[in-house]
Amino acid sequence: MVFYISLVLIVFCMIMSIRTLFLPHKIKGKKVSFENFMYLAFIYVTVMIGFGLIYILLETNGYTVFMEGTVGLEGDFLNQLETGFYFSAVTLFSVGYGDIAPIGIGRMIAVLEALIGYTIPAAFVFRAVFEMEKKL
């Protein structure tokens, strides 16, 4: 039961973070600003941590979602947490070094995360341009 509640809360937080890209008056009119950079960085961090926690929740509940080399994920919880966040980051930013590979349901989650990773900057730029044109 805790697994499902945790999963729902994590997904909810990620959706609420991404949702801010589509709300009015959240991005300042300047083309480049520290505030806009931090805004985008916080969205990325929220999504990265969210997916990392989803991977770890699934792993700790008996689902194998990724492999290191040719063996499943081994080690204590901190090692699993580090691996989950690392895999989430390289997937979100579409780096994909290949040292960790998704398997099973992890493949679909990784595809969704990569799609979101591509979409966030496009939505951010669209939003900034739309807000600037609106002011003209």
N, C-alpha and C. Protein backbone atom coordinates (compact mmCIF):
# COMPACT_ATOMS: atom_id res chain seq x y z
N MET A 1 0.82 -1.19 0.00
CA MET A 1 0.00 0.00 0.00
C MET A 1 0.87 1.26 0.00
N VAL A 2 1.93 1.24 0.82
CA VAL A 2 2.84 2.38 0.87
C VAL A 2 3.49 2.60 -0.49
N PHE A 3 3.78 1.50 -1.19
CA PHE A 3 4.37 1.58 -2.52
C PHE A 3 3.49 2.39 -3.46
N TYR A 4 2.21 2.08 -3.50
CA TYR A 4 1.29 2.75 -4.42
C TYR A 4 1.07 4.21 -4.03
N ILE A 5 0.97 4.49 -2.75
CA ILE A 5 0.82 5.88 -2.29
C ILE A 5 2.05 6.69 -2.66
N SER A 6 3.24 6.11 -2.43
CA SER A 6 4.48 6.79 -2.79
C SER A 6 4.56 7.04 -4.29
N LEU A 7 4.20 6.04 -5.06
CA LEU A 7 4.23 6.18 -6.52
C LEU A 7 3.30 7.29 -6.99
N VAL A 8 2.10 7.34 -6.45
CA VAL A 8 1.14 8.38 -6.82
C VAL A 8 1.64 9.76 -6.42
N LEU A 9 2.21 9.89 -5.24
CA LEU A 9 2.73 11.19 -4.79
C LEU A 9 3.90 11.67 -5.65
N ILE A 10 4.78 10.77 -6.01
CA ILE A 10 5.92 11.13 -6.86
C ILE A 10 5.44 11.61 -8.22
N VAL A 11 4.54 10.85 -8.84
CA VAL A 11 4.02 11.24 -10.15
C VAL A 11 3.28 12.57 -10.06
N PHE A 12 2.50 12.76 -9.01
CA PHE A 12 1.78 14.02 -8.80
C PHE A 12 2.75 15.21 -8.73
N CYS A 13 3.83 15.07 -7.96
CA CYS A 13 4.81 16.16 -7.84
C CYS A 13 5.46 16.48 -9.18
N MET A 14 5.79 15.45 -9.95
CA MET A 14 6.40 15.69 -11.26
C MET A 14 5.42 16.38 -12.20
N ILE A 15 4.17 15.95 -12.20
CA ILE A 15 3.17 16.56 -13.07
C ILE A 15 2.95 18.02 -12.68
N MET A 16 2.89 18.30 -11.39
CA MET A 16 2.68 19.68 -10.95
C MET A 16 3.86 20.56 -11.34
N SER A 17 5.07 20.01 -11.30
CA SER A 17 6.25 20.77 -11.70
C SER A 17 6.22 21.08 -13.20
N ILE A 18 5.94 20.08 -14.02
CA ILE A 18 5.88 20.28 -15.47
C ILE A 18 4.71 21.18 -15.84
N ARG A 19 3.63 21.08 -15.10
CA ARG A 19 2.43 21.88 -15.35
C ARG A 19 2.72 23.38 -15.30
N THR A 20 3.70 23.78 -14.50
CA THR A 20 4.01 25.21 -14.38
C THR A 20 4.46 25.82 -15.69
N LEU A 21 4.95 24.98 -16.62
CA LEU A 21 5.33 25.50 -17.93
C LEU A 21 4.13 26.01 -18.71
N PHE A 22 2.95 25.54 -18.37
CA PHE A 22 1.77 25.88 -19.13
C PHE A 22 0.84 26.85 -18.41
N LEU A 23 1.25 27.33 -17.25
CA LEU A 23 0.45 28.31 -16.51
C LEU A 23 0.85 29.72 -16.93
N PRO A 24 -0.07 30.65 -16.95
CA PRO A 24 0.26 32.01 -17.37
C PRO A 24 1.11 32.76 -16.34
N HIS A 25 1.91 33.69 -16.85
CA HIS A 25 2.69 34.65 -16.07
C HIS A 25 3.71 34.02 -15.14
N LYS A 26 4.33 32.94 -15.52
CA LYS A 26 5.35 32.33 -14.69
C LYS A 26 6.75 32.67 -15.17
N ILE A 27 6.90 33.02 -16.42
CA ILE A 27 8.22 33.31 -16.97
C ILE A 27 8.32 34.80 -17.22
N LYS A 28 9.37 35.39 -16.72
CA LYS A 28 9.56 36.83 -16.89
C LYS A 28 9.84 37.16 -18.36
N GLY A 29 9.62 38.40 -18.74
CA GLY A 29 9.72 38.82 -20.12
C GLY A 29 11.14 38.88 -20.68
N LYS A 30 12.15 38.85 -19.83
CA LYS A 30 13.52 38.91 -20.32
C LYS A 30 13.87 37.63 -21.07
N LYS A 31 14.69 37.78 -22.10
CA LYS A 31 15.09 36.62 -22.88
C LYS A 31 15.98 35.70 -22.05
N VAL A 32 16.97 36.27 -21.37
CA VAL A 32 17.89 35.49 -20.56
C VAL A 32 17.91 36.11 -19.17
N SER A 33 17.65 35.30 -18.17
CA SER A 33 17.73 35.78 -16.80
C SER A 33 18.06 34.63 -15.88
N PHE A 34 18.62 34.95 -14.76
CA PHE A 34 18.96 33.95 -13.75
C PHE A 34 17.68 33.28 -13.24
N GLU A 35 16.63 34.05 -13.11
CA GLU A 35 15.35 33.52 -12.64
C GLU A 35 14.81 32.46 -13.59
N ASN A 36 14.85 32.73 -14.89
CA ASN A 36 14.39 31.75 -15.87
C ASN A 36 15.25 30.49 -15.85
N PHE A 37 16.55 30.68 -15.70
CA PHE A 37 17.46 29.53 -15.63
C PHE A 37 17.14 28.67 -14.42
N MET A 38 16.95 29.28 -13.27
CA MET A 38 16.64 28.54 -12.05
C MET A 38 15.28 27.85 -12.16
N TYR A 39 14.33 28.52 -12.77
CA TYR A 39 13.00 27.94 -12.98
C TYR A 39 13.11 26.64 -13.78
N LEU A 40 13.85 26.69 -14.88
CA LEU A 40 14.04 25.51 -15.71
C LEU A 40 14.83 24.43 -14.97
N ALA A 41 15.85 24.84 -14.23
CA ALA A 41 16.66 23.88 -13.47
C ALA A 41 15.83 23.16 -12.42
N PHE A 42 14.95 23.87 -11.73
CA PHE A 42 14.11 23.23 -10.72
C PHE A 42 13.13 22.24 -11.33
N ILE A 43 12.63 22.54 -12.51
CA ILE A 43 11.75 21.58 -13.19
C ILE A 43 12.53 20.31 -13.53
N TYR A 44 13.74 20.47 -14.07
CA TYR A 44 14.57 19.31 -14.40
C TYR A 44 14.90 18.49 -13.15
N VAL A 45 15.28 19.16 -12.08
CA VAL A 45 15.64 18.45 -10.85
C VAL A 45 14.44 17.69 -10.30
N THR A 46 13.27 18.32 -10.30
CA THR A 46 12.07 17.65 -9.81
C THR A 46 11.76 16.40 -10.61
N VAL A 47 11.83 16.50 -11.92
CA VAL A 47 11.54 15.36 -12.79
C VAL A 47 12.61 14.28 -12.62
N MET A 48 13.87 14.67 -12.54
CA MET A 48 14.96 13.71 -12.38
C MET A 48 14.82 12.94 -11.06
N ILE A 49 14.59 13.64 -9.98
CA ILE A 49 14.43 12.98 -8.69
C ILE A 49 13.17 12.11 -8.69
N GLY A 50 12.10 12.61 -9.28
CA GLY A 50 10.86 11.83 -9.34
C GLY A 50 11.04 10.50 -10.05
N PHE A 51 11.64 10.53 -11.23
CA PHE A 51 11.85 9.28 -11.95
C PHE A 51 12.85 8.39 -11.22
N GLY A 52 13.88 8.98 -10.63
CA GLY A 52 14.83 8.18 -9.84
C GLY A 52 14.14 7.46 -8.71
N LEU A 53 13.23 8.14 -8.03
CA LEU A 53 12.48 7.51 -6.94
C LEU A 53 11.54 6.43 -7.46
N ILE A 54 10.96 6.64 -8.63
CA ILE A 54 10.10 5.60 -9.21
C ILE A 54 10.93 4.34 -9.50
N TYR A 55 12.11 4.51 -10.09
CA TYR A 55 12.97 3.36 -10.36
C TYR A 55 13.30 2.63 -9.06
N ILE A 56 13.65 3.37 -8.01
CA ILE A 56 14.02 2.76 -6.74
C ILE A 56 12.83 2.07 -6.09
N LEU A 57 11.66 2.70 -6.15
CA LEU A 57 10.46 2.07 -5.58
C LEU A 57 10.18 0.73 -6.26
N LEU A 58 10.28 0.73 -7.57
CA LEU A 58 10.04 -0.51 -8.30
C LEU A 58 11.08 -1.57 -7.96
N GLU A 59 12.35 -1.17 -7.90
CA GLU A 59 13.43 -2.10 -7.58
C GLU A 59 13.25 -2.69 -6.18
N THR A 60 12.92 -1.86 -5.20
CA THR A 60 12.79 -2.36 -3.83
C THR A 60 11.54 -3.21 -3.64
N ASN A 61 10.60 -3.13 -4.57
CA ASN A 61 9.40 -3.95 -4.49
C ASN A 61 9.44 -5.16 -5.42
N GLY A 62 10.62 -5.54 -5.85
CA GLY A 62 10.79 -6.78 -6.58
C GLY A 62 10.74 -6.70 -8.09
N TYR A 63 10.51 -5.52 -8.65
CA TYR A 63 10.52 -5.35 -10.10
C TYR A 63 11.95 -5.00 -10.53
N THR A 64 12.46 -5.69 -11.52
CA THR A 64 13.78 -5.36 -12.04
C THR A 64 13.59 -4.36 -13.17
N VAL A 65 14.11 -3.15 -12.99
CA VAL A 65 13.91 -2.12 -14.00
C VAL A 65 15.19 -1.75 -14.74
N PHE A 66 16.35 -2.07 -14.17
CA PHE A 66 17.58 -1.85 -14.92
C PHE A 66 18.68 -2.79 -14.45
N MET A 67 19.68 -2.92 -15.32
CA MET A 67 20.83 -3.79 -15.04
C MET A 67 22.11 -3.01 -15.23
N GLU A 68 23.08 -3.31 -14.38
CA GLU A 68 24.42 -2.77 -14.53
C GLU A 68 25.27 -3.83 -15.19
N GLY A 69 25.70 -3.55 -16.40
CA GLY A 69 26.47 -4.54 -17.15
C GLY A 69 25.60 -5.74 -17.48
N THR A 70 25.99 -6.92 -16.97
CA THR A 70 25.22 -8.14 -17.25
C THR A 70 24.50 -8.67 -16.03
N VAL A 71 24.57 -7.94 -14.90
CA VAL A 71 23.90 -8.40 -13.67
C VAL A 71 22.88 -7.37 -13.22
N GLY A 72 21.94 -7.83 -12.43
CA GLY A 72 20.94 -6.93 -11.87
C GLY A 72 21.58 -5.99 -10.87
N LEU A 73 20.81 -5.05 -10.41
CA LEU A 73 21.30 -4.05 -9.46
C LEU A 73 21.55 -4.71 -8.12
N GLU A 74 22.75 -4.50 -7.59
CA GLU A 74 23.13 -5.09 -6.31
C GLU A 74 23.59 -3.99 -5.38
N GLY A 75 23.73 -4.34 -4.11
CA GLY A 75 24.24 -3.39 -3.13
C GLY A 75 23.16 -2.93 -2.17
N ASP A 76 23.58 -2.09 -1.25
CA ASP A 76 22.66 -1.59 -0.24
C ASP A 76 21.74 -0.51 -0.81
N PHE A 77 20.86 0.00 0.02
CA PHE A 77 19.86 0.97 -0.44
C PHE A 77 20.50 2.24 -0.98
N LEU A 78 21.56 2.72 -0.32
CA LEU A 78 22.21 3.96 -0.81
C LEU A 78 22.82 3.76 -2.19
N ASN A 79 23.38 2.59 -2.44
CA ASN A 79 23.92 2.30 -3.77
C ASN A 79 22.80 2.26 -4.81
N GLN A 80 21.67 1.66 -4.45
CA GLN A 80 20.53 1.62 -5.35
C GLN A 80 19.99 3.02 -5.61
N LEU A 81 19.93 3.84 -4.57
CA LEU A 81 19.46 5.21 -4.70
C LEU A 81 20.36 6.01 -5.64
N GLU A 82 21.66 5.88 -5.44
CA GLU A 82 22.63 6.57 -6.30
C GLU A 82 22.49 6.12 -7.75
N THR A 83 22.35 4.82 -7.96
CA THR A 83 22.20 4.28 -9.31
C THR A 83 20.90 4.75 -9.95
N GLY A 84 19.82 4.77 -9.16
CA GLY A 84 18.53 5.23 -9.69
C GLY A 84 18.57 6.68 -10.12
N PHE A 85 19.18 7.54 -9.31
CA PHE A 85 19.28 8.96 -9.68
C PHE A 85 20.22 9.16 -10.87
N TYR A 86 21.31 8.42 -10.88
CA TYR A 86 22.25 8.51 -12.00
C TYR A 86 21.57 8.09 -13.31
N PHE A 87 20.89 6.95 -13.28
CA PHE A 87 20.21 6.47 -14.48
C PHE A 87 19.13 7.46 -14.92
N SER A 88 18.42 8.01 -13.95
CA SER A 88 17.39 8.99 -14.27
C SER A 88 18.00 10.22 -14.95
N ALA A 89 19.12 10.70 -14.44
CA ALA A 89 19.76 11.90 -15.00
C ALA A 89 20.24 11.65 -16.43
N VAL A 90 20.94 10.53 -16.65
CA VAL A 90 21.46 10.30 -18.01
C VAL A 90 20.34 9.99 -18.99
N THR A 91 19.21 9.49 -18.49
CA THR A 91 18.07 9.26 -19.38
C THR A 91 17.35 10.57 -19.68
N LEU A 92 17.11 11.38 -18.64
CA LEU A 92 16.40 12.65 -18.82
C LEU A 92 17.15 13.58 -19.77
N PHE A 93 18.47 13.61 -19.66
CA PHE A 93 19.26 14.49 -20.50
C PHE A 93 19.71 13.81 -21.78
N SER A 94 19.20 12.61 -22.04
CA SER A 94 19.45 11.85 -23.26
C SER A 94 20.92 11.59 -23.52
N VAL A 95 21.68 11.38 -22.47
CA VAL A 95 23.09 11.05 -22.61
C VAL A 95 23.23 9.56 -22.85
N GLY A 96 22.69 8.75 -21.96
CA GLY A 96 22.68 7.30 -22.11
C GLY A 96 24.04 6.68 -22.33
N TYR A 97 24.85 6.62 -21.32
CA TYR A 97 26.21 6.09 -21.44
C TYR A 97 26.25 4.60 -21.79
N GLY A 98 25.23 3.85 -21.42
CA GLY A 98 25.19 2.44 -21.75
C GLY A 98 25.68 1.54 -20.64
N ASP A 99 26.16 2.11 -19.53
CA ASP A 99 26.63 1.27 -18.43
C ASP A 99 25.47 0.67 -17.64
N ILE A 100 24.31 1.31 -17.69
CA ILE A 100 23.10 0.80 -17.06
C ILE A 100 22.03 0.73 -18.15
N ALA A 101 21.37 -0.41 -18.24
CA ALA A 101 20.35 -0.59 -19.28
C ALA A 101 19.00 -0.89 -18.64
N PRO A 102 17.94 -0.23 -19.13
CA PRO A 102 16.61 -0.54 -18.60
C PRO A 102 16.12 -1.88 -19.13
N ILE A 103 15.37 -2.60 -18.30
CA ILE A 103 14.76 -3.86 -18.72
C ILE A 103 13.33 -3.90 -18.19
N GLY A 104 12.52 -4.72 -18.82
CA GLY A 104 11.13 -4.86 -18.37
C GLY A 104 10.38 -3.55 -18.44
N ILE A 105 9.62 -3.27 -17.39
CA ILE A 105 8.83 -2.03 -17.32
C ILE A 105 9.73 -0.80 -17.31
N GLY A 106 11.00 -0.98 -16.91
CA GLY A 106 11.95 0.13 -16.90
C GLY A 106 12.17 0.73 -18.28
N ARG A 107 12.01 -0.07 -19.32
CA ARG A 107 12.15 0.44 -20.69
C ARG A 107 11.08 1.48 -21.02
N MET A 108 9.84 1.18 -20.65
CA MET A 108 8.75 2.11 -20.95
C MET A 108 8.90 3.38 -20.11
N ILE A 109 9.32 3.22 -18.86
CA ILE A 109 9.52 4.39 -18.00
C ILE A 109 10.66 5.25 -18.54
N ALA A 110 11.73 4.61 -19.00
CA ALA A 110 12.86 5.35 -19.57
C ALA A 110 12.46 6.10 -20.84
N VAL A 111 11.63 5.48 -21.67
CA VAL A 111 11.15 6.15 -22.89
C VAL A 111 10.33 7.38 -22.51
N LEU A 112 9.45 7.23 -21.54
CA LEU A 112 8.64 8.36 -21.09
C LEU A 112 9.52 9.48 -20.52
N GLU A 113 10.52 9.10 -19.74
CA GLU A 113 11.42 10.10 -19.17
C GLU A 113 12.21 10.82 -20.26
N ALA A 114 12.71 10.10 -21.25
CA ALA A 114 13.46 10.73 -22.34
C ALA A 114 12.55 11.67 -23.13
N LEU A 115 11.31 11.28 -23.36
CA LEU A 115 10.36 12.14 -24.07
C LEU A 115 10.12 13.43 -23.28
N ILE A 116 9.96 13.31 -21.99
CA ILE A 116 9.78 14.51 -21.16
C ILE A 116 11.04 15.35 -21.19
N GLY A 117 12.21 14.71 -21.17
CA GLY A 117 13.48 15.44 -21.23
C GLY A 117 13.63 16.26 -22.51
N TYR A 118 13.12 15.74 -23.63
CA TYR A 118 13.14 16.49 -24.88
C TYR A 118 12.09 17.59 -24.90
N THR A 119 10.99 17.36 -24.27
CA THR A 119 9.85 18.28 -24.32
C THR A 119 10.02 19.50 -23.43
N ILE A 120 10.65 19.35 -22.29
CA ILE A 120 10.77 20.47 -21.34
C ILE A 120 11.41 21.71 -21.96
N PRO A 121 12.59 21.60 -22.60
CA PRO A 121 13.16 22.83 -23.15
C PRO A 121 12.34 23.43 -24.29
N ALA A 122 11.72 22.57 -25.10
CA ALA A 122 10.88 23.08 -26.19
C ALA A 122 9.69 23.83 -25.63
N ALA A 123 9.06 23.29 -24.60
CA ALA A 123 7.92 23.96 -23.98
C ALA A 123 8.35 25.26 -23.32
N PHE A 124 9.53 25.25 -22.71
CA PHE A 124 10.04 26.45 -22.06
C PHE A 124 10.28 27.56 -23.08
N VAL A 125 10.93 27.23 -24.19
CA VAL A 125 11.21 28.23 -25.23
C VAL A 125 9.90 28.73 -25.84
N PHE A 126 8.99 27.82 -26.16
CA PHE A 126 7.69 28.22 -26.69
C PHE A 126 7.00 29.18 -25.74
N ARG A 127 7.03 28.83 -24.48
CA ARG A 127 6.38 29.65 -23.46
C ARG A 127 6.99 31.05 -23.39
N ALA A 128 8.32 31.13 -23.41
CA ALA A 128 9.00 32.42 -23.34
C ALA A 128 8.68 33.28 -24.57
N VAL A 129 8.69 32.67 -25.75
CA VAL A 129 8.38 33.40 -26.98
C VAL A 129 6.93 33.86 -26.97
N PHE A 130 6.02 33.00 -26.56
CA PHE A 130 4.61 33.34 -26.50
C PHE A 130 4.36 34.51 -25.55
N GLU A 131 5.02 34.50 -24.41
CA GLU A 131 4.85 35.59 -23.44
C GLU A 131 5.41 36.91 -23.99
N MET A 132 6.54 36.83 -24.71
CA MET A 132 7.13 38.05 -25.28
C MET A 132 6.25 38.62 -26.37
N GLU A 133 5.68 37.78 -27.24
CA GLU A 133 4.80 38.24 -28.31
C GLU A 133 3.52 38.83 -27.74
N LYS A 134 3.08 38.27 -26.66
CA LYS A 134 1.86 38.73 -26.01
C LYS A 134 2.01 40.17 -25.48
N LYS A 135 3.23 40.51 -25.07
CA LYS A 135 3.49 41.84 -24.53
C LYS A 135 3.66 42.89 -25.62
N LEU A 136 3.92 42.46 -26.84
CA LEU A 136 4.13 43.41 -27.94
C LEU A 136 2.86 43.99 -28.46
